[in-house]
């Protein structure tokens, strides 16, 4: 089974209106945006987002590259931050765009700290509610467990007792069958410059004797390959921007995007490949 791992799209329809205009810059034109100087506070973050090209440009580029390089993709996973605090219509438009591109390939998503559960359920699932989005989907003989560690506006995420109990029940239901755990927040300190899920130790202890053989995360906007609880644990690049800690409370943001591809056979990860693309556009330096 070939798995395409995408993450952190941060989509908003207002960015979608710039899609065609942005396509000409995706390969590196306009290297330095006029707002690439120092920014501060929430307004600075919004200015950085306004400077960013439409992430659908990067999404489409990654899908084109994956289709060209890999004859078969059996599963597409998106590990959260589908939108940037999006509305129901944002989720509806994003899902329609992705479905047009990937067709009937199984698609599994989880939510991140910039996702709105109520808007997601209304726009993506066509239902009402604001409960955490936890699911189990079987793809062939593999269980794909989407586990929601997100709390909107809480960067590091949370796994409360109710969520931990759901994961424990899900792992019991799946048993020793090969499984993939999909969640937004990374679980290891070395996976990023920002803190991992606070309850990552408890989460990893829950999967100790399960059939989980692959853990897929997002959140950091930088790809990473490692081991967690004896399992392959991977983070994918974002499809929007990345931040680099410059010290002194300053973070420099630039456009960088990418994807991961994995091959699983007989419950084992036989291959992993990460593709990263940077066009050199600096979006700004924020002081926190």
C-alpha atoms as a PDB file:
ATOM      1  CA  UNK A   1       0.000   0.000   0.000  1.00  0.00           C
ATOM      2  CA  UNK A   2       1.299   3.441  -0.997  1.00  0.00           C
ATOM      3  CA  UNK A   3       0.354   6.329   1.312  1.00  0.00           C
ATOM      4  CA  UNK A   4       0.564  10.038   0.446  1.00  0.00           C
ATOM      5  CA  UNK A   5       0.985  12.181   3.578  1.00  0.00           C
ATOM      6  CA  UNK A   6       0.060  15.884   3.397  1.00  0.00           C
ATOM      7  CA  UNK A   7      -0.321  18.405   6.214  1.00  0.00           C
ATOM      8  CA  UNK A   8      -1.081  21.946   7.368  1.00  0.00           C
ATOM      9  CA  UNK A   9      -2.840  23.491   4.382  1.00  0.00           C
ATOM     10  CA  UNK A  10      -4.155  26.543   6.291  1.00  0.00           C
ATOM     11  CA  UNK A  11      -6.703  27.188   3.534  1.00  0.00           C
ATOM     12  CA  UNK A  12      -9.084  30.145   3.360  1.00  0.00           C
ATOM     13  CA  UNK A  13     -11.301  31.023   0.414  1.00  0.00           C
ATOM     14  CA  UNK A  14      -9.950  34.548   0.294  1.00  0.00           C
ATOM     15  CA  UNK A  15      -6.607  32.973  -0.598  1.00  0.00           C
ATOM     16  CA  UNK A  16      -8.388  30.865  -3.217  1.00  0.00           C
ATOM     17  CA  UNK A  17      -9.332  34.010  -5.095  1.00  0.00           C
ATOM     18  CA  UNK A  18      -5.607  34.620  -5.642  1.00  0.00           C
ATOM     19  CA  UNK A  19      -4.998  31.122  -6.961  1.00  0.00           C
ATOM     20  CA  UNK A  20      -4.434  31.864 -10.635  1.00  0.00           C
ATOM     21  CA  UNK A  21      -2.445  35.020  -9.962  1.00  0.00           C
ATOM     22  CA  UNK A  22      -0.175  33.099  -7.630  1.00  0.00           C
ATOM     23  CA  UNK A  23       0.574  30.229  -9.999  1.00  0.00           C
ATOM     24  CA  UNK A  24       3.173  32.230 -11.865  1.00  0.00           C
ATOM     25  CA  UNK A  25       5.138  32.759  -8.657  1.00  0.00           C
ATOM     26  CA  UNK A  26       5.162  29.168  -7.405  1.00  0.00           C
ATOM     27  CA  UNK A  27       8.531  28.419  -8.959  1.00  0.00           C
ATOM     28  CA  UNK A  28      10.395  31.182  -7.212  1.00  0.00           C
ATOM     29  CA  UNK A  29       9.537  34.544  -8.779  1.00  0.00           C
ATOM     30  CA  UNK A  30       8.979  37.433  -6.359  1.00  0.00           C
ATOM     31  CA  UNK A  31      11.643  36.120  -3.978  1.00  0.00           C
ATOM     32  CA  UNK A  32      11.165  38.731  -1.267  1.00  0.00           C
ATOM     33  CA  UNK A  33       7.670  39.931  -0.430  1.00  0.00           C
ATOM     34  CA  UNK A  34       7.329  43.581   0.464  1.00  0.00           C
ATOM     35  CA  UNK A  35       6.110  42.590   3.970  1.00  0.00           C
ATOM     36  CA  UNK A  36       9.183  40.453   4.582  1.00  0.00           C
ATOM     37  CA  UNK A  37      10.355  42.706   7.407  1.00  0.00           C
ATOM     38  CA  UNK A  38       9.671  42.571  11.132  1.00  0.00           C
ATOM     39  CA  UNK A  39       6.121  41.973  12.313  1.00  0.00           C
ATOM     40  CA  UNK A  40       4.662  41.770  15.796  1.00  0.00           C
ATOM     41  CA  UNK A  41       1.698  40.200  17.600  1.00  0.00           C
ATOM     42  CA  UNK A  42      -1.539  38.802  16.149  1.00  0.00           C
ATOM     43  CA  UNK A  43      -1.673  41.505  13.487  1.00  0.00           C
ATOM     44  CA  UNK A  44       1.800  40.454  12.368  1.00  0.00           C
ATOM     45  CA  UNK A  45       0.672  36.843  11.988  1.00  0.00           C
ATOM     46  CA  UNK A  46      -2.300  37.947   9.890  1.00  0.00           C
ATOM     47  CA  UNK A  47      -0.004  40.092   7.752  1.00  0.00           C
ATOM     48  CA  UNK A  48       2.218  37.059   7.210  1.00  0.00           C
ATOM     49  CA  UNK A  49      -0.804  35.019   6.084  1.00  0.00           C
ATOM     50  CA  UNK A  50      -1.851  37.802   3.728  1.00  0.00           C
ATOM     51  CA  UNK A  51       1.605  37.747   2.167  1.00  0.00           C
ATOM     52  CA  UNK A  52       1.400  33.983   1.621  1.00  0.00           C
ATOM     53  CA  UNK A  53       0.473  32.555  -1.749  1.00  0.00           C
ATOM     54  CA  UNK A  54      -2.689  30.486  -1.988  1.00  0.00           C
ATOM     55  CA  UNK A  55      -1.826  27.053  -0.509  1.00  0.00           C
ATOM     56  CA  UNK A  56      -3.899  25.319  -3.194  1.00  0.00           C
ATOM     57  CA  UNK A  57      -1.033  26.153  -5.542  1.00  0.00           C
ATOM     58  CA  UNK A  58       1.313  24.092  -3.376  1.00  0.00           C
ATOM     59  CA  UNK A  59      -1.280  21.362  -2.824  1.00  0.00           C
ATOM     60  CA  UNK A  60      -1.771  20.965  -6.570  1.00  0.00           C
ATOM     61  CA  UNK A  61       1.972  20.942  -7.203  1.00  0.00           C
ATOM     62  CA  UNK A  62       2.467  18.147  -4.660  1.00  0.00           C
ATOM     63  CA  UNK A  63      -0.425  16.127  -6.065  1.00  0.00           C
ATOM     64  CA  UNK A  64       0.977  16.549  -9.587  1.00  0.00           C
ATOM     65  CA  UNK A  65       4.434  15.424  -8.463  1.00  0.00           C
ATOM     66  CA  UNK A  66       3.049  12.447  -6.537  1.00  0.00           C
ATOM     67  CA  UNK A  67       0.961  11.354  -9.531  1.00  0.00           C
ATOM     68  CA  UNK A  68       3.989  11.641 -11.811  1.00  0.00           C
ATOM     69  CA  UNK A  69       6.431   9.787  -9.556  1.00  0.00           C
ATOM     70  CA  UNK A  70       4.142   7.148  -8.026  1.00  0.00           C
ATOM     71  CA  UNK A  71       1.894   5.146 -10.321  1.00  0.00           C
ATOM     72  CA  UNK A  72      -0.413   4.114  -7.490  1.00  0.00           C
ATOM     73  CA  UNK A  73      -1.537   5.953  -4.366  1.00  0.00           C
ATOM     74  CA  UNK A  74      -3.818   3.845  -2.184  1.00  0.00           C
ATOM     75  CA  UNK A  75      -4.452   6.299   0.639  1.00  0.00           C
ATOM     76  CA  UNK A  76      -4.205  10.070   1.147  1.00  0.00           C
ATOM     77  CA  UNK A  77      -3.725  11.334   4.713  1.00  0.00           C
ATOM     78  CA  UNK A  78      -3.888  14.993   5.799  1.00  0.00           C
ATOM     79  CA  UNK A  79      -2.674  15.588   9.353  1.00  0.00           C
ATOM     80  CA  UNK A  80      -4.578  18.687  10.380  1.00  0.00           C
ATOM     81  CA  UNK A  81      -4.776  22.450  10.049  1.00  0.00           C
ATOM     82  CA  UNK A  82      -6.916  21.964   6.973  1.00  0.00           C
ATOM     83  CA  UNK A  83      -7.944  25.616   7.182  1.00  0.00           C
ATOM     84  CA  UNK A  84      -6.850  28.779   8.948  1.00  0.00           C
ATOM     85  CA  UNK A  85      -9.742  29.139  11.421  1.00  0.00           C
ATOM     86  CA  UNK A  86     -12.019  28.404   8.502  1.00  0.00           C
ATOM     87  CA  UNK A  87     -15.751  28.714   7.947  1.00  0.00           C
ATOM     88  CA  UNK A  88     -18.017  25.861   6.885  1.00  0.00           C
ATOM     89  CA  UNK A  89     -17.762  27.097   3.317  1.00  0.00           C
ATOM     90  CA  UNK A  90     -13.949  27.032   3.515  1.00  0.00           C
ATOM     91  CA  UNK A  91     -14.080  23.336   4.457  1.00  0.00           C
ATOM     92  CA  UNK A  92     -16.678  22.627   1.789  1.00  0.00           C
ATOM     93  CA  UNK A  93     -14.572  24.262  -0.933  1.00  0.00           C
ATOM     94  CA  UNK A  94     -11.350  22.577   0.192  1.00  0.00           C
ATOM     95  CA  UNK A  95     -12.916  19.118   0.268  1.00  0.00           C
ATOM     96  CA  UNK A  96     -14.409  19.648  -3.189  1.00  0.00           C
ATOM     97  CA  UNK A  97     -11.023  20.709  -4.563  1.00  0.00           C
ATOM     98  CA  UNK A  98      -9.213  17.735  -3.044  1.00  0.00           C
ATOM     99  CA  UNK A  99     -11.860  15.262  -4.205  1.00  0.00           C
ATOM    100  CA  UNK A 100     -11.634  16.618  -7.734  1.00  0.00           C
ATOM    101  CA  UNK A 101      -7.893  15.970  -7.660  1.00  0.00           C
ATOM    102  CA  UNK A 102      -7.699  12.561  -5.927  1.00  0.00           C
ATOM    103  CA  UNK A 103     -10.967  11.038  -7.150  1.00  0.00           C
ATOM    104  CA  UNK A 104     -12.130   8.034  -5.148  1.00  0.00           C
ATOM    105  CA  UNK A 105      -8.785   7.332  -3.424  1.00  0.00           C
ATOM    106  CA  UNK A 106      -9.497   6.852   0.306  1.00  0.00           C
ATOM    107  CA  UNK A 107      -8.938  10.123   2.175  1.00  0.00           C
ATOM    108  CA  UNK A 108      -8.366  10.357   5.937  1.00  0.00           C
ATOM    109  CA  UNK A 109      -8.016  13.696   7.735  1.00  0.00           C
ATOM    110  CA  UNK A 110      -7.534  14.832  11.290  1.00  0.00           C
ATOM    111  CA  UNK A 111      -7.922  18.277  12.844  1.00  0.00           C
ATOM    112  CA  UNK A 112      -5.321  20.752  14.084  1.00  0.00           C
ATOM    113  CA  UNK A 113      -5.276  23.750  16.391  1.00  0.00           C
ATOM    114  CA  UNK A 114      -6.261  26.106  13.555  1.00  0.00           C
ATOM    115  CA  UNK A 115      -9.303  24.010  12.644  1.00  0.00           C
ATOM    116  CA  UNK A 116     -12.800  24.806  13.869  1.00  0.00           C
ATOM    117  CA  UNK A 117     -14.678  21.629  14.774  1.00  0.00           C
ATOM    118  CA  UNK A 118     -18.145  23.082  14.243  1.00  0.00           C
ATOM    119  CA  UNK A 119     -17.248  24.540  10.849  1.00  0.00           C
ATOM    120  CA  UNK A 120     -15.461  21.319   9.854  1.00  0.00           C
ATOM    121  CA  UNK A 121     -18.455  19.154  10.693  1.00  0.00           C
ATOM    122  CA  UNK A 122     -20.844  21.439   8.848  1.00  0.00           C
ATOM    123  CA  UNK A 123     -18.714  22.006   5.759  1.00  0.00           C
ATOM    124  CA  UNK A 124     -16.715  18.768   5.415  1.00  0.00           C
ATOM    125  CA  UNK A 125     -19.061  16.196   6.944  1.00  0.00           C
ATOM    126  CA  UNK A 126     -22.398  17.956   6.218  1.00  0.00           C
ATOM    127  CA  UNK A 127     -23.557  17.520   9.804  1.00  0.00           C
ATOM    128  CA  UNK A 128     -23.926  19.647  12.890  1.00  0.00           C
ATOM    129  CA  UNK A 129     -21.903  19.407  16.090  1.00  0.00           C
ATOM    130  CA  UNK A 130     -18.579  20.325  17.655  1.00  0.00           C
ATOM    131  CA  UNK A 131     -17.330  17.044  19.124  1.00  0.00           C
ATOM    132  CA  UNK A 132     -13.747  15.857  18.524  1.00  0.00           C
ATOM    133  CA  UNK A 133     -13.354  14.122  15.179  1.00  0.00           C
ATOM    134  CA  UNK A 134     -12.204  10.547  15.833  1.00  0.00           C
ATOM    135  CA  UNK A 135     -12.640   7.810  13.245  1.00  0.00           C
ATOM    136  CA  UNK A 136     -11.457   4.374  12.199  1.00  0.00           C
ATOM    137  CA  UNK A 137     -11.315   3.601   8.497  1.00  0.00           C
ATOM    138  CA  UNK A 138     -10.249   0.311   7.015  1.00  0.00           C
ATOM    139  CA  UNK A 139      -8.178   0.468   3.831  1.00  0.00           C
ATOM    140  CA  UNK A 140      -7.608  -3.059   2.645  1.00  0.00           C
ATOM    141  CA  UNK A 141      -6.508  -4.920   5.760  1.00  0.00           C
ATOM    142  CA  UNK A 142      -5.111  -1.828   7.482  1.00  0.00           C
ATOM    143  CA  UNK A 143      -6.976   0.239  10.077  1.00  0.00           C
ATOM    144  CA  UNK A 144      -6.416   4.004   9.822  1.00  0.00           C
ATOM    145  CA  UNK A 145      -7.184   5.691  13.131  1.00  0.00           C
ATOM    146  CA  UNK A 146      -7.745   9.456  12.961  1.00  0.00           C
ATOM    147  CA  UNK A 147      -7.323  10.823  16.488  1.00  0.00           C
ATOM    148  CA  UNK A 148      -8.207  14.420  17.326  1.00  0.00           C
ATOM    149  CA  UNK A 149      -5.747  16.096  19.725  1.00  0.00           C
ATOM    150  CA  UNK A 150      -6.765  19.601  18.667  1.00  0.00           C
ATOM    151  CA  UNK A 151      -8.189  22.425  20.723  1.00  0.00           C
ATOM    152  CA  UNK A 152      -8.758  25.493  18.583  1.00  0.00           C
ATOM    153  CA  UNK A 153      -6.450  28.274  19.705  1.00  0.00           C
ATOM    154  CA  UNK A 154      -4.321  25.982  21.921  1.00  0.00           C
ATOM    155  CA  UNK A 155      -1.110  25.460  19.934  1.00  0.00           C
ATOM    156  CA  UNK A 156       0.219  22.392  21.758  1.00  0.00           C
ATOM    157  CA  UNK A 157      -3.057  20.442  21.722  1.00  0.00           C
ATOM    158  CA  UNK A 158      -4.525  18.256  24.462  1.00  0.00           C
ATOM    159  CA  UNK A 159      -5.509  14.643  25.119  1.00  0.00           C
ATOM    160  CA  UNK A 160      -7.993  14.660  27.984  1.00  0.00           C
ATOM    161  CA  UNK A 161      -9.289  11.564  29.756  1.00  0.00           C
ATOM    162  CA  UNK A 162     -12.288  11.241  27.438  1.00  0.00           C
ATOM    163  CA  UNK A 163     -10.095  11.308  24.358  1.00  0.00           C
ATOM    164  CA  UNK A 164      -7.629   8.856  25.890  1.00  0.00           C
ATOM    165  CA  UNK A 165     -10.523   6.484  26.634  1.00  0.00           C
ATOM    166  CA  UNK A 166     -11.699   6.726  23.009  1.00  0.00           C
ATOM    167  CA  UNK A 167      -8.226   5.865  21.712  1.00  0.00           C
ATOM    168  CA  UNK A 168      -7.965   2.931  24.082  1.00  0.00           C
ATOM    169  CA  UNK A 169     -11.317   1.563  22.855  1.00  0.00           C
ATOM    170  CA  UNK A 170     -10.302   2.092  19.234  1.00  0.00           C
ATOM    171  CA  UNK A 171      -7.051   0.194  19.708  1.00  0.00           C
ATOM    172  CA  UNK A 172      -8.928  -2.646  21.409  1.00  0.00           C
ATOM    173  CA  UNK A 173     -11.399  -2.785  18.507  1.00  0.00           C
ATOM    174  CA  UNK A 174      -8.617  -2.909  15.925  1.00  0.00           C
ATOM    175  CA  UNK A 175      -6.652  -5.509  17.860  1.00  0.00           C
ATOM    176  CA  UNK A 176      -3.374  -6.692  16.393  1.00  0.00           C
ATOM    177  CA  UNK A 177      -4.336  -5.825  12.826  1.00  0.00           C
ATOM    178  CA  UNK A 178      -1.868  -3.480  11.071  1.00  0.00           C
ATOM    179  CA  UNK A 179      -2.826   0.075  11.983  1.00  0.00           C
ATOM    180  CA  UNK A 180      -1.849   3.661  11.196  1.00  0.00           C
ATOM    181  CA  UNK A 181      -2.346   6.360  13.827  1.00  0.00           C
ATOM    182  CA  UNK A 182      -3.054   9.790  12.329  1.00  0.00           C
ATOM    183  CA  UNK A 183      -2.932  12.850  14.580  1.00  0.00           C
ATOM    184  CA  UNK A 184      -1.987  16.496  14.217  1.00  0.00           C
ATOM    185  CA  UNK A 185       0.414  17.165  17.068  1.00  0.00           C
ATOM    186  CA  UNK A 186       3.880  15.667  16.997  1.00  0.00           C
ATOM    187  CA  UNK A 187       4.834  13.344  19.849  1.00  0.00           C
ATOM    188  CA  UNK A 188       8.610  13.695  20.221  1.00  0.00           C
ATOM    189  CA  UNK A 189      10.578  16.807  21.293  1.00  0.00           C
ATOM    190  CA  UNK A 190      13.155  16.254  18.561  1.00  0.00           C
ATOM    191  CA  UNK A 191      10.497  16.458  15.862  1.00  0.00           C
ATOM    192  CA  UNK A 192      10.266  20.241  15.987  1.00  0.00           C
ATOM    193  CA  UNK A 193      11.238  23.563  17.525  1.00  0.00           C
ATOM    194  CA  UNK A 194       7.821  23.804  19.186  1.00  0.00           C
ATOM    195  CA  UNK A 195       6.657  21.574  22.076  1.00  0.00           C
ATOM    196  CA  UNK A 196       5.065  18.189  21.374  1.00  0.00           C
ATOM    197  CA  UNK A 197       1.632  17.153  22.621  1.00  0.00           C
ATOM    198  CA  UNK A 198       1.783  17.523  26.450  1.00  0.00           C
ATOM    199  CA  UNK A 199       0.263  14.059  26.931  1.00  0.00           C
ATOM    200  CA  UNK A 200       2.462  12.398  24.310  1.00  0.00           C
ATOM    201  CA  UNK A 201       3.974  10.009  26.854  1.00  0.00           C
ATOM    202  CA  UNK A 202       0.547   8.742  27.867  1.00  0.00           C
ATOM    203  CA  UNK A 203      -0.525   8.422  24.240  1.00  0.00           C
ATOM    204  CA  UNK A 204       2.528   6.379  23.342  1.00  0.00           C
ATOM    205  CA  UNK A 205       1.989   4.116  26.326  1.00  0.00           C
ATOM    206  CA  UNK A 206      -1.550   3.381  25.092  1.00  0.00           C
ATOM    207  CA  UNK A 207      -0.304   2.049  21.759  1.00  0.00           C
ATOM    208  CA  UNK A 208       2.357  -0.140  23.395  1.00  0.00           C
ATOM    209  CA  UNK A 209       0.860  -3.566  22.595  1.00  0.00           C
ATOM    210  CA  UNK A 210      -1.329  -2.543  19.671  1.00  0.00           C
ATOM    211  CA  UNK A 211      -1.004  -3.211  15.970  1.00  0.00           C
ATOM    212  CA  UNK A 212       0.016   0.376  15.221  1.00  0.00           C
ATOM    213  CA  UNK A 213       3.006   0.243  12.892  1.00  0.00           C
ATOM    214  CA  UNK A 214       3.046   3.827  11.580  1.00  0.00           C
ATOM    215  CA  UNK A 215       2.333   7.189  13.260  1.00  0.00           C
ATOM    216  CA  UNK A 216       1.692  10.236  11.064  1.00  0.00           C
ATOM    217  CA  UNK A 217       1.719  13.794  12.433  1.00  0.00           C
ATOM    218  CA  UNK A 218       1.847  17.420  11.314  1.00  0.00           C
ATOM    219  CA  UNK A 219       1.935  20.726  13.208  1.00  0.00           C
ATOM    220  CA  UNK A 220       5.659  21.563  13.014  1.00  0.00           C
ATOM    221  CA  UNK A 221       5.596  22.410   9.262  1.00  0.00           C
ATOM    222  CA  UNK A 222       8.944  20.579   8.931  1.00  0.00           C
ATOM    223  CA  UNK A 223       9.325  16.945   7.894  1.00  0.00           C
ATOM    224  CA  UNK A 224      10.929  14.504  10.308  1.00  0.00           C
ATOM    225  CA  UNK A 225      11.422  10.747  10.403  1.00  0.00           C
ATOM    226  CA  UNK A 226      11.957   8.915  13.659  1.00  0.00           C
ATOM    227  CA  UNK A 227      10.823   6.210  16.065  1.00  0.00           C
ATOM    228  CA  UNK A 228       8.200   6.498  18.802  1.00  0.00           C
ATOM    229  CA  UNK A 229       7.296   3.550  21.036  1.00  0.00           C
ATOM    230  CA  UNK A 230       9.173   1.355  18.571  1.00  0.00           C
ATOM    231  CA  UNK A 231       7.071   2.516  15.615  1.00  0.00           C
ATOM    232  CA  UNK A 232       7.938   4.583  12.567  1.00  0.00           C
ATOM    233  CA  UNK A 233       6.817   8.121  13.393  1.00  0.00           C
ATOM    234  CA  UNK A 234       6.789  10.781  10.686  1.00  0.00           C
ATOM    235  CA  UNK A 235       5.944  14.462  10.342  1.00  0.00           C
ATOM    236  CA  UNK A 236       5.221  15.990   6.930  1.00  0.00           C
ATOM    237  CA  UNK A 237       6.116  19.448   5.675  1.00  0.00           C
ATOM    238  CA  UNK A 238       3.270  21.928   5.502  1.00  0.00           C
ATOM    239  CA  UNK A 239       1.490  23.022   2.343  1.00  0.00           C
ATOM    240  CA  UNK A 240       1.624  26.686   3.335  1.00  0.00           C
ATOM    241  CA  UNK A 241       4.579  28.145   5.244  1.00  0.00           C
ATOM    242  CA  UNK A 242       7.229  27.279   7.798  1.00  0.00           C
ATOM    243  CA  UNK A 243       8.750  29.170  10.701  1.00  0.00           C
ATOM    244  CA  UNK A 244      12.385  29.080  11.795  1.00  0.00           C
ATOM    245  CA  UNK A 245      13.435  30.135  15.295  1.00  0.00           C
ATOM    246  CA  UNK A 246      15.969  32.938  14.939  1.00  0.00           C
ATOM    247  CA  UNK A 247      16.495  33.348  18.691  1.00  0.00           C
ATOM    248  CA  UNK A 248      15.504  36.247  20.918  1.00  0.00           C
ATOM    249  CA  UNK A 249      11.801  35.500  20.472  1.00  0.00           C
ATOM    250  CA  UNK A 250      11.959  36.021  16.706  1.00  0.00           C
ATOM    251  CA  UNK A 251      10.613  33.565  14.132  1.00  0.00           C
ATOM    252  CA  UNK A 252      11.220  33.998  10.417  1.00  0.00           C
ATOM    253  CA  UNK A 253       8.455  32.718   8.144  1.00  0.00           C
ATOM    254  CA  UNK A 254       8.972  31.606   4.575  1.00  0.00           C
ATOM    255  CA  UNK A 255       7.100  29.685   1.926  1.00  0.00           C
ATOM    256  CA  UNK A 256       8.133  26.049   1.930  1.00  0.00           C
ATOM    257  CA  UNK A 257       6.034  22.981   1.219  1.00  0.00           C
ATOM    258  CA  UNK A 258       6.262  19.266   0.602  1.00  0.00           C
ATOM    259  CA  UNK A 259       4.876  15.780   1.132  1.00  0.00           C
ATOM    260  CA  UNK A 260       5.815  12.272   2.261  1.00  0.00           C
ATOM    261  CA  UNK A 261       5.146   8.924   0.575  1.00  0.00           C
ATOM    262  CA  UNK A 262       5.293   5.571   2.387  1.00  0.00           C
ATOM    263  CA  UNK A 263       5.056   1.984   1.204  1.00  0.00           C
ATOM    264  CA  UNK A 264       3.605  -0.510   3.662  1.00  0.00           C
ATOM    265  CA  UNK A 265       3.711  -4.254   3.228  1.00  0.00           C
ATOM    266  CA  UNK A 266       2.702  -6.960   5.693  1.00  0.00           C
ATOM    267  CA  UNK A 267       2.246  -4.437   8.491  1.00  0.00           C
ATOM    268  CA  UNK A 268       5.686  -2.902   8.053  1.00  0.00           C
ATOM    269  CA  UNK A 269       6.896   0.380   6.570  1.00  0.00           C
ATOM    270  CA  UNK A 270       9.211  -0.680   3.757  1.00  0.00           C
ATOM    271  CA  UNK A 271       9.940   2.752   2.282  1.00  0.00           C
ATOM    272  CA  UNK A 272       9.607   6.441   3.154  1.00  0.00           C
ATOM    273  CA  UNK A 273      10.395   9.367   0.894  1.00  0.00           C
ATOM    274  CA  UNK A 274      10.097  13.079   1.735  1.00  0.00           C
ATOM    275  CA  UNK A 275       9.943  15.801  -0.913  1.00  0.00           C
ATOM    276  CA  UNK A 276      10.506  19.440   0.115  1.00  0.00           C
ATOM    277  CA  UNK A 277      10.286  22.526  -2.095  1.00  0.00           C
ATOM    278  CA  UNK A 278      11.291  26.086  -1.172  1.00  0.00           C
ATOM    279  CA  UNK A 279      10.869  29.075  -3.458  1.00  0.00           C
ATOM    280  CA  UNK A 280      12.828  31.573  -1.351  1.00  0.00           C
ATOM    281  CA  UNK A 281       9.916  33.880  -0.514  1.00  0.00           C
ATOM    282  CA  UNK A 282      10.293  35.372   2.961  1.00  0.00           C
ATOM    283  CA  UNK A 283       6.935  36.271   4.484  1.00  0.00           C
ATOM    284  CA  UNK A 284       8.165  38.168   7.507  1.00  0.00           C
ATOM    285  CA  UNK A 285       9.873  37.905  10.877  1.00  0.00           C
ATOM    286  CA  UNK A 286       7.533  37.843  13.875  1.00  0.00           C
ATOM    287  CA  UNK A 287       8.473  38.799  17.403  1.00  0.00           C
ATOM    288  CA  UNK A 288       6.683  36.766  20.075  1.00  0.00           C
END
